[in-house]
Amino acid sequence: MLLNSCSSQKDETDWAKYNLSGKLKSIIENSYEAEEKFGEIVKGESGSPYWENGQITFNENGNIIESNTYDSDGSLGREVTYEYDYDKIGNWVRQIQFTDNDPGTIIEREIEYFD
């Protein structure tokens, strides 16, 4: 894949993809069954069949370096980690994804910059 850039602005980070701002280190998401009690929607039991509990951790460049999901009992369900190689501008050009410590996917990018 060849990507062109009209400026020296960096590619969109994972922070931007998730519509986040600031120097975030991690996000923890918990899901609960929605229950109606006395006409009000409240949190019920932990763990929805439609959403996994998880934690996402970012590096200082704004890219995801770890994404964990947890089972309803709180135990680690799946761990996905990422390693990156960066070019001289700071954009990643190689990403390696590991699922439960097993290498899975390698993504390589060629980025062409205007002079």
PDB file of N, CA and C in Angstrom:
ATOM      1  N   MET A   1       0.847  -1.159   0.000  1.00  0.00           N
ATOM      2  CA  MET A   1       0.000   0.000   0.000  1.00  0.00           C
ATOM      3  C   MET A   1       0.894   1.224   0.000  1.00  0.00           C
ATOM      4  N   LEU A   2       0.594   2.189  -0.843  1.00  0.00           N
ATOM      5  CA  LEU A   2       1.350   3.427  -0.918  1.00  0.00           C
ATOM      6  C   LEU A   2       0.455   4.571  -0.472  1.00  0.00           C
ATOM      7  N   LEU A   3       0.926   5.312   0.494  1.00  0.00           N
ATOM      8  CA  LEU A   3       0.171   6.438   1.010  1.00  0.00           C
ATOM      9  C   LEU A   3       0.919   7.715   0.713  1.00  0.00           C
ATOM     10  N   ASN A   4       0.231   8.750   0.278  1.00  0.00           N
ATOM     11  CA  ASN A   4       0.834  10.046   0.014  1.00  0.00           C
ATOM     12  C   ASN A   4       0.393  11.036   1.055  1.00  0.00           C
ATOM     13  N   SER A   5       1.243  11.999   1.334  1.00  0.00           N
ATOM     14  CA  SER A   5       0.922  13.021   2.316  1.00  0.00           C
ATOM     15  C   SER A   5       1.188  14.384   1.711  1.00  0.00           C
ATOM     16  N   CYS A   6       0.271  15.320   1.950  1.00  0.00           N
ATOM     17  CA  CYS A   6       0.437  16.682   1.447  1.00  0.00           C
ATOM     18  C   CYS A   6       1.182  17.558   2.436  1.00  0.00           C
ATOM     19  N   SER A   7       1.444  17.051   3.602  1.00  0.00           N
ATOM     20  CA  SER A   7       2.154  17.825   4.615  1.00  0.00           C
ATOM     21  C   SER A   7       2.967  16.868   5.465  1.00  0.00           C
ATOM     22  N   SER A   8       3.667  17.428   6.433  1.00  0.00           N
ATOM     23  CA  SER A   8       4.435  16.572   7.323  1.00  0.00           C
ATOM     24  C   SER A   8       3.594  16.104   8.502  1.00  0.00           C
ATOM     25  N   GLN A   9       2.274  16.338   8.453  1.00  0.00           N
ATOM     26  CA  GLN A   9       1.386  15.907   9.529  1.00  0.00           C
ATOM     27  C   GLN A   9       1.388  14.390   9.615  1.00  0.00           C
ATOM     28  N   LYS A  10       1.445  13.866  10.824  1.00  0.00           N
ATOM     29  CA  LYS A  10       1.497  12.430  11.032  1.00  0.00           C
ATOM     30  C   LYS A  10       0.155  11.782  10.689  1.00  0.00           C
ATOM     31  N   ASP A  11       0.212  10.491  10.345  1.00  0.00           N
ATOM     32  CA  ASP A  11      -1.009   9.725  10.121  1.00  0.00           C
ATOM     33  C   ASP A  11      -1.870   9.759  11.366  1.00  0.00           C
ATOM     34  N   GLU A  12      -3.148   9.485  11.189  1.00  0.00           N
ATOM     35  CA  GLU A  12      -4.062   9.453  12.325  1.00  0.00           C
ATOM     36  C   GLU A  12      -3.610   8.400  13.325  1.00  0.00           C
ATOM     37  N   THR A  13      -3.537   8.790  14.581  1.00  0.00           N
ATOM     38  CA  THR A  13      -3.154   7.840  15.631  1.00  0.00           C
ATOM     39  C   THR A  13      -4.374   7.063  16.081  1.00  0.00           C
ATOM     40  N   ASP A  14      -4.151   6.031  16.879  1.00  0.00           N
ATOM     41  CA  ASP A  14      -5.263   5.287  17.461  1.00  0.00           C
ATOM     42  C   ASP A  14      -6.066   6.186  18.387  1.00  0.00           C
ATOM     43  N   TRP A  15      -5.385   7.144  19.048  1.00  0.00           N
ATOM     44  CA  TRP A  15      -6.113   8.108  19.891  1.00  0.00           C
ATOM     45  C   TRP A  15      -7.167   8.804  19.044  1.00  0.00           C
ATOM     46  N   ALA A  16      -6.768   9.273  17.867  1.00  0.00           N
ATOM     47  CA  ALA A  16      -7.694  10.001  16.993  1.00  0.00           C
ATOM     48  C   ALA A  16      -8.808   9.074  16.491  1.00  0.00           C
ATOM     49  N   LYS A  17      -8.467   7.841  16.158  1.00  0.00           N
ATOM     50  CA  LYS A  17      -9.478   6.895  15.670  1.00  0.00           C
ATOM     51  C   LYS A  17     -10.569   6.658  16.709  1.00  0.00           C
ATOM     52  N   TYR A  18     -10.182   6.653  17.983  1.00  0.00           N
ATOM     53  CA  TYR A  18     -11.140   6.452  19.063  1.00  0.00           C
ATOM     54  C   TYR A  18     -11.735   7.769  19.556  1.00  0.00           C
ATOM     55  N   ASN A  19     -11.424   8.884  18.866  1.00  0.00           N
ATOM     56  CA  ASN A  19     -11.927  10.211  19.218  1.00  0.00           C
ATOM     57  C   ASN A  19     -11.533  10.593  20.646  1.00  0.00           C
ATOM     58  N   LEU A  20     -10.256  10.393  20.977  1.00  0.00           N
ATOM     59  CA  LEU A  20      -9.732  10.696  22.300  1.00  0.00           C
ATOM     60  C   LEU A  20      -8.744  11.850  22.195  1.00  0.00           C
ATOM     61  N   SER A  21      -8.545  12.548  23.277  1.00  0.00           N
ATOM     62  CA  SER A  21      -7.557  13.612  23.283  1.00  0.00           C
ATOM     63  C   SER A  21      -6.747  13.534  24.562  1.00  0.00           C
ATOM     64  N   GLY A  22      -5.627  14.235  24.575  1.00  0.00           N
ATOM     65  CA  GLY A  22      -4.759  14.212  25.738  1.00  0.00           C
ATOM     66  C   GLY A  22      -3.747  13.088  25.634  1.00  0.00           C
ATOM     67  N   LYS A  23      -2.852  13.027  26.570  1.00  0.00           N
ATOM     68  CA  LYS A  23      -1.806  12.007  26.598  1.00  0.00           C
ATOM     69  C   LYS A  23      -2.295  10.792  27.375  1.00  0.00           C
ATOM     70  N   LEU A  24      -3.212  10.039  26.779  1.00  0.00           N
ATOM     71  CA  LEU A  24      -3.782   8.864  27.431  1.00  0.00           C
ATOM     72  C   LEU A  24      -2.787   7.725  27.482  1.00  0.00           C
ATOM     73  N   LYS A  25      -2.825   6.992  28.569  1.00  0.00           N
ATOM     74  CA  LYS A  25      -2.006   5.783  28.681  1.00  0.00           C
ATOM     75  C   LYS A  25      -2.857   4.535  28.492  1.00  0.00           C
ATOM     76  N   SER A  26      -4.067   4.513  29.084  1.00  0.00           N
ATOM     77  CA  SER A  26      -4.928   3.343  28.915  1.00  0.00           C
ATOM     78  C   SER A  26      -6.382   3.713  29.145  1.00  0.00           C
ATOM     79  N   ILE A  27      -7.246   2.837  28.680  1.00  0.00           N
ATOM     80  CA  ILE A  27      -8.696   2.964  28.852  1.00  0.00           C
ATOM     81  C   ILE A  27      -9.195   1.614  29.334  1.00  0.00           C
ATOM     82  N   ILE A  28     -10.055   1.627  30.321  1.00  0.00           N
ATOM     83  CA  ILE A  28     -10.700   0.397  30.780  1.00  0.00           C
ATOM     84  C   ILE A  28     -12.185   0.539  30.480  1.00  0.00           C
ATOM     85  N   GLU A  29     -12.747  -0.448  29.806  1.00  0.00           N
ATOM     86  CA  GLU A  29     -14.169  -0.447  29.496  1.00  0.00           C
ATOM     87  C   GLU A  29     -14.813  -1.639  30.177  1.00  0.00           C
ATOM     88  N   ASN A  30     -15.911  -1.393  30.862  1.00  0.00           N
ATOM     89  CA  ASN A  30     -16.680  -2.453  31.492  1.00  0.00           C
ATOM     90  C   ASN A  30     -18.098  -2.410  30.942  1.00  0.00           C
ATOM     91  N   SER A  31     -18.668  -3.556  30.721  1.00  0.00           N
ATOM     92  CA  SER A  31     -20.040  -3.617  30.228  1.00  0.00           C
ATOM     93  C   SER A  31     -20.936  -4.268  31.277  1.00  0.00           C
ATOM     94  N   TYR A  32     -22.176  -3.877  31.237  1.00  0.00           N
ATOM     95  CA  TYR A  32     -23.174  -4.396  32.172  1.00  0.00           C
ATOM     96  C   TYR A  32     -24.469  -4.627  31.417  1.00  0.00           C
ATOM     97  N   GLU A  33     -25.222  -5.596  31.857  1.00  0.00           N
ATOM     98  CA  GLU A  33     -26.560  -5.788  31.329  1.00  0.00           C
ATOM     99  C   GLU A  33     -27.399  -4.578  31.740  1.00  0.00           C
ATOM    100  N   ALA A  34     -28.147  -4.032  30.820  1.00  0.00           N
ATOM    101  CA  ALA A  34     -29.038  -2.918  31.150  1.00  0.00           C
ATOM    102  C   ALA A  34     -30.333  -3.480  31.710  1.00  0.00           C
ATOM    103  N   GLU A  35     -30.743  -2.964  32.846  1.00  0.00           N
ATOM    104  CA  GLU A  35     -31.982  -3.403  33.476  1.00  0.00           C
ATOM    105  C   GLU A  35     -32.851  -2.193  33.761  1.00  0.00           C
ATOM    106  N   GLU A  36     -34.149  -2.404  33.660  1.00  0.00           N
ATOM    107  CA  GLU A  36     -35.084  -1.331  33.994  1.00  0.00           C
ATOM    108  C   GLU A  36     -35.643  -1.593  35.391  1.00  0.00           C
ATOM    109  N   LYS A  37     -35.483  -0.612  36.267  1.00  0.00           N
ATOM    110  CA  LYS A  37     -36.020  -0.698  37.621  1.00  0.00           C
ATOM    111  C   LYS A  37     -36.749   0.594  37.926  1.00  0.00           C
ATOM    112  N   PHE A  38     -38.011   0.458  38.216  1.00  0.00           N
ATOM    113  CA  PHE A  38     -38.855   1.607  38.569  1.00  0.00           C
ATOM    114  C   PHE A  38     -38.796   2.693  37.505  1.00  0.00           C
ATOM    115  N   GLY A  39     -38.806   2.272  36.216  1.00  0.00           N
ATOM    116  CA  GLY A  39     -38.825   3.220  35.114  1.00  0.00           C
ATOM    117  C   GLY A  39     -37.477   3.837  34.783  1.00  0.00           C
ATOM    118  N   GLU A  40     -36.408   3.371  35.411  1.00  0.00           N
ATOM    119  CA  GLU A  40     -35.069   3.914  35.171  1.00  0.00           C
ATOM    120  C   GLU A  40     -34.161   2.792  34.681  1.00  0.00           C
ATOM    121  N   ILE A  41     -33.299   3.105  33.724  1.00  0.00           N
ATOM    122  CA  ILE A  41     -32.338   2.126  33.214  1.00  0.00           C
ATOM    123  C   ILE A  41     -31.106   2.165  34.121  1.00  0.00           C
ATOM    124  N   VAL A  42     -30.737   1.008  34.675  1.00  0.00           N
ATOM    125  CA  VAL A  42     -29.604   0.911  35.597  1.00  0.00           C
ATOM    126  C   VAL A  42     -28.686  -0.231  35.176  1.00  0.00           C
ATOM    127  N   LYS A  43     -27.483  -0.252  35.754  1.00  0.00           N
ATOM    128  CA  LYS A  43     -26.535  -1.330  35.489  1.00  0.00           C
ATOM    129  C   LYS A  43     -27.004  -2.592  36.204  1.00  0.00           C
ATOM    130  N   GLY A  44     -26.972  -3.693  35.464  1.00  0.00           N
ATOM    131  CA  GLY A  44     -27.289  -4.985  36.048  1.00  0.00           C
ATOM    132  C   GLY A  44     -26.017  -5.786  36.232  1.00  0.00           C
ATOM    133  N   GLU A  45     -26.050  -7.044  35.827  1.00  0.00           N
ATOM    134  CA  GLU A  45     -24.888  -7.918  35.972  1.00  0.00           C
ATOM    135  C   GLU A  45     -23.764  -7.472  35.045  1.00  0.00           C
ATOM    136  N   SER A  46     -22.534  -7.720  35.482  1.00  0.00           N
ATOM    137  CA  SER A  46     -21.363  -7.381  34.679  1.00  0.00           C
ATOM    138  C   SER A  46     -21.284  -8.303  33.477  1.00  0.00           C
ATOM    139  N   GLY A  47     -20.873  -7.747  32.357  1.00  0.00           N
ATOM    140  CA  GLY A  47     -20.669  -8.540  31.148  1.00  0.00           C
ATOM    141  C   GLY A  47     -21.912  -8.630  30.303  1.00  0.00           C
ATOM    142  N   SER A  48     -21.868  -8.001  29.157  1.00  0.00           N
ATOM    143  CA  SER A  48     -22.970  -8.047  28.211  1.00  0.00           C
ATOM    144  C   SER A  48     -22.631  -9.055  27.126  1.00  0.00           C
ATOM    145  N   PRO A  49     -23.626  -9.768  26.587  1.00  0.00           N
ATOM    146  CA  PRO A  49     -23.318 -10.697  25.492  1.00  0.00           C
ATOM    147  C   PRO A  49     -22.908  -9.964  24.218  1.00  0.00           C
ATOM    148  N   TYR A  50     -23.120  -8.643  24.173  1.00  0.00           N
ATOM    149  CA  TYR A  50     -22.820  -7.859  22.976  1.00  0.00           C
ATOM    150  C   TYR A  50     -21.514  -7.079  23.083  1.00  0.00           C
ATOM    151  N   TRP A  51     -20.890  -7.042  24.237  1.00  0.00           N
ATOM    152  CA  TRP A  51     -19.705  -6.215  24.437  1.00  0.00           C
ATOM    153  C   TRP A  51     -18.776  -6.899  25.420  1.00  0.00           C
ATOM    154  N   GLU A  52     -17.491  -6.900  25.132  1.00  0.00           N
ATOM    155  CA  GLU A  52     -16.512  -7.508  26.034  1.00  0.00           C
ATOM    156  C   GLU A  52     -15.909  -6.438  26.935  1.00  0.00           C
ATOM    157  N   ASN A  53     -15.606  -6.804  28.168  1.00  0.00           N
ATOM    158  CA  ASN A  53     -14.851  -5.918  29.035  1.00  0.00           C
ATOM    159  C   ASN A  53     -13.415  -5.918  28.547  1.00  0.00           C
ATOM    160  N   GLY A  54     -12.786  -4.755  28.589  1.00  0.00           N
ATOM    161  CA  GLY A  54     -11.433  -4.727  28.072  1.00  0.00           C
ATOM    162  C   GLY A  54     -10.632  -3.533  28.534  1.00  0.00           C
ATOM    163  N   GLN A  55      -9.361  -3.591  28.199  1.00  0.00           N
ATOM    164  CA  GLN A  55      -8.439  -2.502  28.490  1.00  0.00           C
ATOM    165  C   GLN A  55      -7.552  -2.310  27.275  1.00  0.00           C
ATOM    166  N   ILE A  56      -7.379  -1.049  26.877  1.00  0.00           N
ATOM    167  CA  ILE A  56      -6.522  -0.694  25.755  1.00  0.00           C
ATOM    168  C   ILE A  56      -5.408   0.189  26.294  1.00  0.00           C
ATOM    169  N   THR A  57      -4.156  -0.130  25.937  1.00  0.00           N
ATOM    170  CA  THR A  57      -3.008   0.653  26.375  1.00  0.00           C
ATOM    171  C   THR A  57      -2.299   1.226  25.151  1.00  0.00           C
ATOM    172  N   PHE A  58      -1.906   2.498  25.256  1.00  0.00           N
ATOM    173  CA  PHE A  58      -1.274   3.218  24.148  1.00  0.00           C
ATOM    174  C   PHE A  58       0.182   3.530  24.466  1.00  0.00           C
ATOM    175  N   ASN A  59       0.993   3.737  23.428  1.00  0.00           N
ATOM    176  CA  ASN A  59       2.359   4.224  23.636  1.00  0.00           C
ATOM    177  C   ASN A  59       2.382   5.745  23.512  1.00  0.00           C
ATOM    178  N   GLU A  60       3.552   6.339  23.667  1.00  0.00           N
ATOM    179  CA  GLU A  60       3.666   7.797  23.642  1.00  0.00           C
ATOM    180  C   GLU A  60       3.379   8.393  22.266  1.00  0.00           C
ATOM    181  N   ASN A  61       3.353   7.550  21.221  1.00  0.00           N
ATOM    182  CA  ASN A  61       3.036   8.010  19.868  1.00  0.00           C
ATOM    183  C   ASN A  61       1.540   7.960  19.574  1.00  0.00           C
ATOM    184  N   GLY A  62       0.752   7.464  20.536  1.00  0.00           N
ATOM    185  CA  GLY A  62      -0.690   7.380  20.339  1.00  0.00           C
ATOM    186  C   GLY A  62      -1.158   6.116  19.656  1.00  0.00           C
ATOM    187  N   ASN A  63      -0.296   5.118  19.562  1.00  0.00           N
ATOM    188  CA  ASN A  63      -0.664   3.852  18.933  1.00  0.00           C
ATOM    189  C   ASN A  63      -0.936   2.795  19.999  1.00  0.00           C
ATOM    190  N   ILE A  64      -1.887   1.918  19.701  1.00  0.00           N
ATOM    191  CA  ILE A  64      -2.226   0.840  20.630  1.00  0.00           C
ATOM    192  C   ILE A  64      -1.044  -0.114  20.744  1.00  0.00           C
ATOM    193  N   ILE A  65      -0.647  -0.425  21.981  1.00  0.00           N
ATOM    194  CA  ILE A  65       0.402  -1.425  22.183  1.00  0.00           C
ATOM    195  C   ILE A  65      -0.129  -2.677  22.870  1.00  0.00           C
ATOM    196  N   GLU A  66      -1.331  -2.576  23.465  1.00  0.00           N
ATOM    197  CA  GLU A  66      -1.930  -3.742  24.117  1.00  0.00           C
ATOM    198  C   GLU A  66      -3.440  -3.568  24.157  1.00  0.00           C
ATOM    199  N   SER A  67      -4.146  -4.646  23.854  1.00  0.00           N
ATOM    200  CA  SER A  67      -5.607  -4.648  23.896  1.00  0.00           C
ATOM    201  C   SER A  67      -6.049  -5.966  24.515  1.00  0.00           C
ATOM    202  N   ASN A  68      -6.553  -5.900  25.736  1.00  0.00           N
ATOM    203  CA  ASN A  68      -6.954  -7.099  26.461  1.00  0.00           C
ATOM    204  C   ASN A  68      -8.462  -7.154  26.607  1.00  0.00           C
ATOM    205  N   THR A  69      -9.006  -8.360  26.516  1.00  0.00           N
ATOM    206  CA  THR A  69     -10.412  -8.575  26.833  1.00  0.00           C
ATOM    207  C   THR A  69     -10.481  -9.525  28.013  1.00  0.00           C
ATOM    208  N   TYR A  70     -11.527  -9.348  28.806  1.00  0.00           N
ATOM    209  CA  TYR A  70     -11.668 -10.125  30.036  1.00  0.00           C
ATOM    210  C   TYR A  70     -12.988 -10.857  30.049  1.00  0.00           C
ATOM    211  N   ASP A  71     -12.967 -12.061  30.603  1.00  0.00           N
ATOM    212  CA  ASP A  71     -14.176 -12.862  30.748  1.00  0.00           C
ATOM    213  C   ASP A  71     -15.022 -12.294  31.883  1.00  0.00           C
ATOM    214  N   SER A  72     -16.245 -12.743  31.991  1.00  0.00           N
ATOM    215  CA  SER A  72     -17.167 -12.209  33.003  1.00  0.00           C
ATOM    216  C   SER A  72     -16.674 -12.424  34.426  1.00  0.00           C
ATOM    217  N   ASP A  73     -15.787 -13.417  34.639  1.00  0.00           N
ATOM    218  CA  ASP A  73     -15.239 -13.644  35.976  1.00  0.00           C
ATOM    219  C   ASP A  73     -13.997 -12.788  36.249  1.00  0.00           C
ATOM    220  N   GLY A  74     -13.620 -11.940  35.293  1.00  0.00           N
ATOM    221  CA  GLY A  74     -12.482 -11.055  35.465  1.00  0.00           C
ATOM    222  C   GLY A  74     -11.161 -11.622  34.985  1.00  0.00           C
ATOM    223  N   SER A  75     -11.146 -12.871  34.553  1.00  0.00           N
ATOM    224  CA  SER A  75      -9.896 -13.463  34.071  1.00  0.00           C
ATOM    225  C   SER A  75      -9.615 -12.989  32.645  1.00  0.00           C
ATOM    226  N   LEU A  76      -8.328 -12.972  32.300  1.00  0.00           N
ATOM    227  CA  LEU A  76      -7.910 -12.533  30.979  1.00  0.00           C
ATOM    228  C   LEU A  76      -8.421 -13.500  29.925  1.00  0.00           C
ATOM    229  N   GLY A  77      -9.194 -12.977  28.999  1.00  0.00           N
ATOM    230  CA  GLY A  77      -9.725 -13.802  27.919  1.00  0.00           C
ATOM    231  C   GLY A  77      -8.784 -13.862  26.737  1.00  0.00           C
ATOM    232  N   ARG A  78      -8.319 -12.677  26.311  1.00  0.00           N
ATOM    233  CA  ARG A  78      -7.408 -12.607  25.167  1.00  0.00           C
ATOM    234  C   ARG A  78      -6.522 -11.390  25.333  1.00  0.00           C
ATOM    235  N   GLU A  79      -5.236 -11.568  25.028  1.00  0.00           N
ATOM    236  CA  GLU A  79      -4.276 -10.473  25.073  1.00  0.00           C
ATOM    237  C   GLU A  79      -3.714 -10.269  23.669  1.00  0.00           C
ATOM    238  N   VAL A  80      -3.840  -9.060  23.161  1.00  0.00           N
ATOM    239  CA  VAL A  80      -3.274  -8.721  21.862  1.00  0.00           C
ATOM    240  C   VAL A  80      -2.270  -7.597  22.088  1.00  0.00           C
ATOM    241  N   THR A  81      -1.029  -7.814  21.650  1.00  0.00           N
ATOM    242  CA  THR A  81       0.003  -6.790  21.776  1.00  0.00           C
ATOM    243  C   THR A  81       0.515  -6.410  20.388  1.00  0.00           C
ATOM    244  N   TYR A  82       1.094  -5.214  20.311  1.00  0.00           N
ATOM    245  CA  TYR A  82       1.569  -4.679  19.044  1.00  0.00           C
ATOM    246  C   TYR A  82       2.981  -4.139  19.215  1.00  0.00           C
ATOM    247  N   GLU A  83       3.823  -4.373  18.211  1.00  0.00           N
ATOM    248  CA  GLU A  83       5.155  -3.782  18.141  1.00  0.00           C
ATOM    249  C   GLU A  83       5.231  -2.962  16.865  1.00  0.00           C
ATOM    250  N   TYR A  84       5.981  -1.843  16.911  1.00  0.00           N
ATOM    251  CA  TYR A  84       6.062  -0.934  15.777  1.00  0.00           C
ATOM    252  C   TYR A  84       7.497  -0.599  15.426  1.00  0.00           C
ATOM    253  N   ASP A  85       7.729  -0.358  14.142  1.00  0.00           N
ATOM    254  CA  ASP A  85       8.935   0.288  13.640  1.00  0.00           C
ATOM    255  C   ASP A  85       8.462   1.593  13.011  1.00  0.00           C
ATOM    256  N   TYR A  86       9.227   2.675  13.245  1.00  0.00           N
ATOM    257  CA  TYR A  86       8.840   4.011  12.796  1.00  0.00           C
ATOM    258  C   TYR A  86       9.844   4.553  11.783  1.00  0.00           C
ATOM    259  N   ASP A  87       9.359   5.446  10.905  1.00  0.00           N
ATOM    260  CA  ASP A  87      10.259   6.127   9.984  1.00  0.00           C
ATOM    261  C   ASP A  87      10.823   7.380  10.654  1.00  0.00           C
ATOM    262  N   LYS A  88      11.643   8.138   9.924  1.00  0.00           N
ATOM    263  CA  LYS A  88      12.313   9.302  10.514  1.00  0.00           C
ATOM    264  C   LYS A  88      11.351  10.428  10.863  1.00  0.00           C
ATOM    265  N   ILE A  89      10.129  10.407  10.325  1.00  0.00           N
ATOM    266  CA  ILE A  89       9.117  11.424  10.639  1.00  0.00           C
ATOM    267  C   ILE A  89       8.315  11.024  11.879  1.00  0.00           C
ATOM    268  N   GLY A  90       8.321   9.749  12.216  1.00  0.00           N
ATOM    269  CA  GLY A  90       7.588   9.269  13.383  1.00  0.00           C
ATOM    270  C   GLY A  90       6.335   8.478  13.061  1.00  0.00           C
ATOM    271  N   ASN A  91       6.087   8.204  11.780  1.00  0.00           N
ATOM    272  CA  ASN A  91       4.954   7.367  11.404  1.00  0.00           C
ATOM    273  C   ASN A  91       5.391   5.910  11.405  1.00  0.00           C
ATOM    274  N   TRP A  92       4.489   5.028  11.855  1.00  0.00           N
ATOM    275  CA  TRP A  92       4.885   3.630  11.868  1.00  0.00           C
ATOM    276  C   TRP A  92       4.853   3.084  10.449  1.00  0.00           C
ATOM    277  N   VAL A  93       5.859   2.260  10.149  1.00  0.00           N
ATOM    278  CA  VAL A  93       5.973   1.645   8.828  1.00  0.00           C
ATOM    279  C   VAL A  93       5.870   0.127   8.902  1.00  0.00           C
ATOM    280  N   ARG A  94       5.936  -0.399  10.124  1.00  0.00           N
ATOM    281  CA  ARG A  94       5.765  -1.842  10.322  1.00  0.00           C
ATOM    282  C   ARG A  94       5.098  -2.072  11.662  1.00  0.00           C
ATOM    283  N   GLN A  95       4.042  -2.882  11.642  1.00  0.00           N
ATOM    284  CA  GLN A  95       3.319  -3.236  12.863  1.00  0.00           C
ATOM    285  C   GLN A  95       3.242  -4.762  12.925  1.00  0.00           C
ATOM    286  N   ILE A  96       3.614  -5.305  14.075  1.00  0.00           N
ATOM    287  CA  ILE A  96       3.481  -6.750  14.291  1.00  0.00           C
ATOM    288  C   ILE A  96       2.464  -6.945  15.405  1.00  0.00           C
ATOM    289  N   GLN A  97       1.470  -7.772  15.152  1.00  0.00           N
ATOM    290  CA  GLN A  97       0.411  -8.054  16.124  1.00  0.00           C
ATOM    291  C   GLN A  97       0.606  -9.465  16.666  1.00  0.00           C
ATOM    292  N   PHE A  98       0.568  -9.564  17.995  1.00  0.00           N
ATOM    293  CA  PHE A  98       0.685 -10.854  18.679  1.00  0.00           C
ATOM    294  C   PHE A  98      -0.615 -11.113  19.430  1.00  0.00           C
ATOM    295  N   THR A  99      -1.186 -12.295  19.279  1.00  0.00           N
ATOM    296  CA  THR A  99      -2.364 -12.687  20.045  1.00  0.00           C
ATOM    297  C   THR A  99      -1.954 -13.779  21.015  1.00  0.00           C
ATOM    298  N   ASP A 100      -2.132 -13.488  22.305  1.00  0.00           N
ATOM    299  CA  ASP A 100      -1.707 -14.412  23.360  1.00  0.00           C
ATOM    300  C   ASP A 100      -0.260 -14.856  23.152  1.00  0.00           C
ATOM    301  N   ASN A 101       0.596 -13.884  22.847  1.00  0.00           N
ATOM    302  CA  ASN A 101       2.044 -14.045  22.640  1.00  0.00           C
ATOM    303  C   ASN A 101       2.437 -14.792  21.369  1.00  0.00           C
ATOM    304  N   ASP A 102       1.479 -15.152  20.535  1.00  0.00           N
ATOM    305  CA  ASP A 102       1.783 -15.795  19.265  1.00  0.00           C
ATOM    306  C   ASP A 102       1.725 -14.752  18.150  1.00  0.00           C
ATOM    307  N   PRO A 103       2.792 -14.661  17.305  1.00  0.00           N
ATOM    308  CA  PRO A 103       2.749 -13.681  16.220  1.00  0.00           C
ATOM    309  C   PRO A 103       1.603 -13.999  15.274  1.00  0.00           C
ATOM    310  N   GLY A 104       0.880 -12.950  14.892  1.00  0.00           N
ATOM    311  CA  GLY A 104      -0.276 -13.156  14.028  1.00  0.00           C
ATOM    312  C   GLY A 104      -0.159 -12.418  12.715  1.00  0.00           C
ATOM    313  N   THR A 105      -0.172 -11.104  12.760  1.00  0.00           N
ATOM    314  CA  THR A 105      -0.225 -10.297  11.553  1.00  0.00           C
ATOM    315  C   THR A 105       0.932  -9.312  11.523  1.00  0.00           C
ATOM    316  N   ILE A 106       1.509  -9.136  10.324  1.00  0.00           N
ATOM    317  CA  ILE A 106       2.490  -8.075  10.090  1.00  0.00           C
ATOM    318  C   ILE A 106       1.900  -7.151   9.039  1.00  0.00           C
ATOM    319  N   ILE A 107       1.903  -5.870   9.341  1.00  0.00           N
ATOM    320  CA  ILE A 107       1.467  -4.865   8.371  1.00  0.00           C
ATOM    321  C   ILE A 107       2.668  -3.975   8.087  1.00  0.00           C
ATOM    322  N   GLU A 108       3.005  -3.831   6.813  1.00  0.00           N
ATOM    323  CA  GLU A 108       4.080  -2.937   6.419  1.00  0.00           C
ATOM    324  C   GLU A 108       3.505  -1.845   5.534  1.00  0.00           C
ATOM    325  N   ARG A 109       3.975  -0.598   5.747  1.00  0.00           N
ATOM    326  CA  ARG A 109       3.490   0.541   4.972  1.00  0.00           C
ATOM    327  C   ARG A 109       4.677   1.265   4.340  1.00  0.00           C
ATOM    328  N   GLU A 110       4.461   1.726   3.134  1.00  0.00           N
ATOM    329  CA  GLU A 110       5.411   2.622   2.482  1.00  0.00           C
ATOM    330  C   GLU A 110       4.737   3.979   2.420  1.00  0.00           C
ATOM    331  N   ILE A 111       5.370   4.968   2.999  1.00  0.00           N
ATOM    332  CA  ILE A 111       4.797   6.313   3.028  1.00  0.00           C
ATOM    333  C   ILE A 111       5.710   7.226   2.234  1.00  0.00           C
ATOM    334  N   GLU A 112       5.138   7.912   1.264  1.00  0.00           N
ATOM    335  CA  GLU A 112       5.906   8.833   0.423  1.00  0.00           C
ATOM    336  C   GLU A 112       5.546  10.249   0.843  1.00  0.00           C
ATOM    337  N   TYR A 113       6.554  11.056   1.064  1.00  0.00           N
ATOM    338  CA  TYR A 113       6.359  12.439   1.497  1.00  0.00           C
ATOM    339  C   TYR A 113       6.741  13.381   0.369  1.00  0.00           C
ATOM    340  N   PHE A 114       6.033  14.521   0.288  1.00  0.00           N
ATOM    341  CA  PHE A 114       6.427  15.583  -0.629  1.00  0.00           C
ATOM    342  C   PHE A 114       7.643  16.295  -0.056  1.00  0.00           C
ATOM    343  N   ASP A 115       8.535  16.742  -0.917  1.00  0.00           N
ATOM    344  CA  ASP A 115       9.713  17.485  -0.464  1.00  0.00           C
ATOM    345  C   ASP A 115       9.360  18.876   0.002  1.00  0.00           C
TER     346      ASP A 115
END
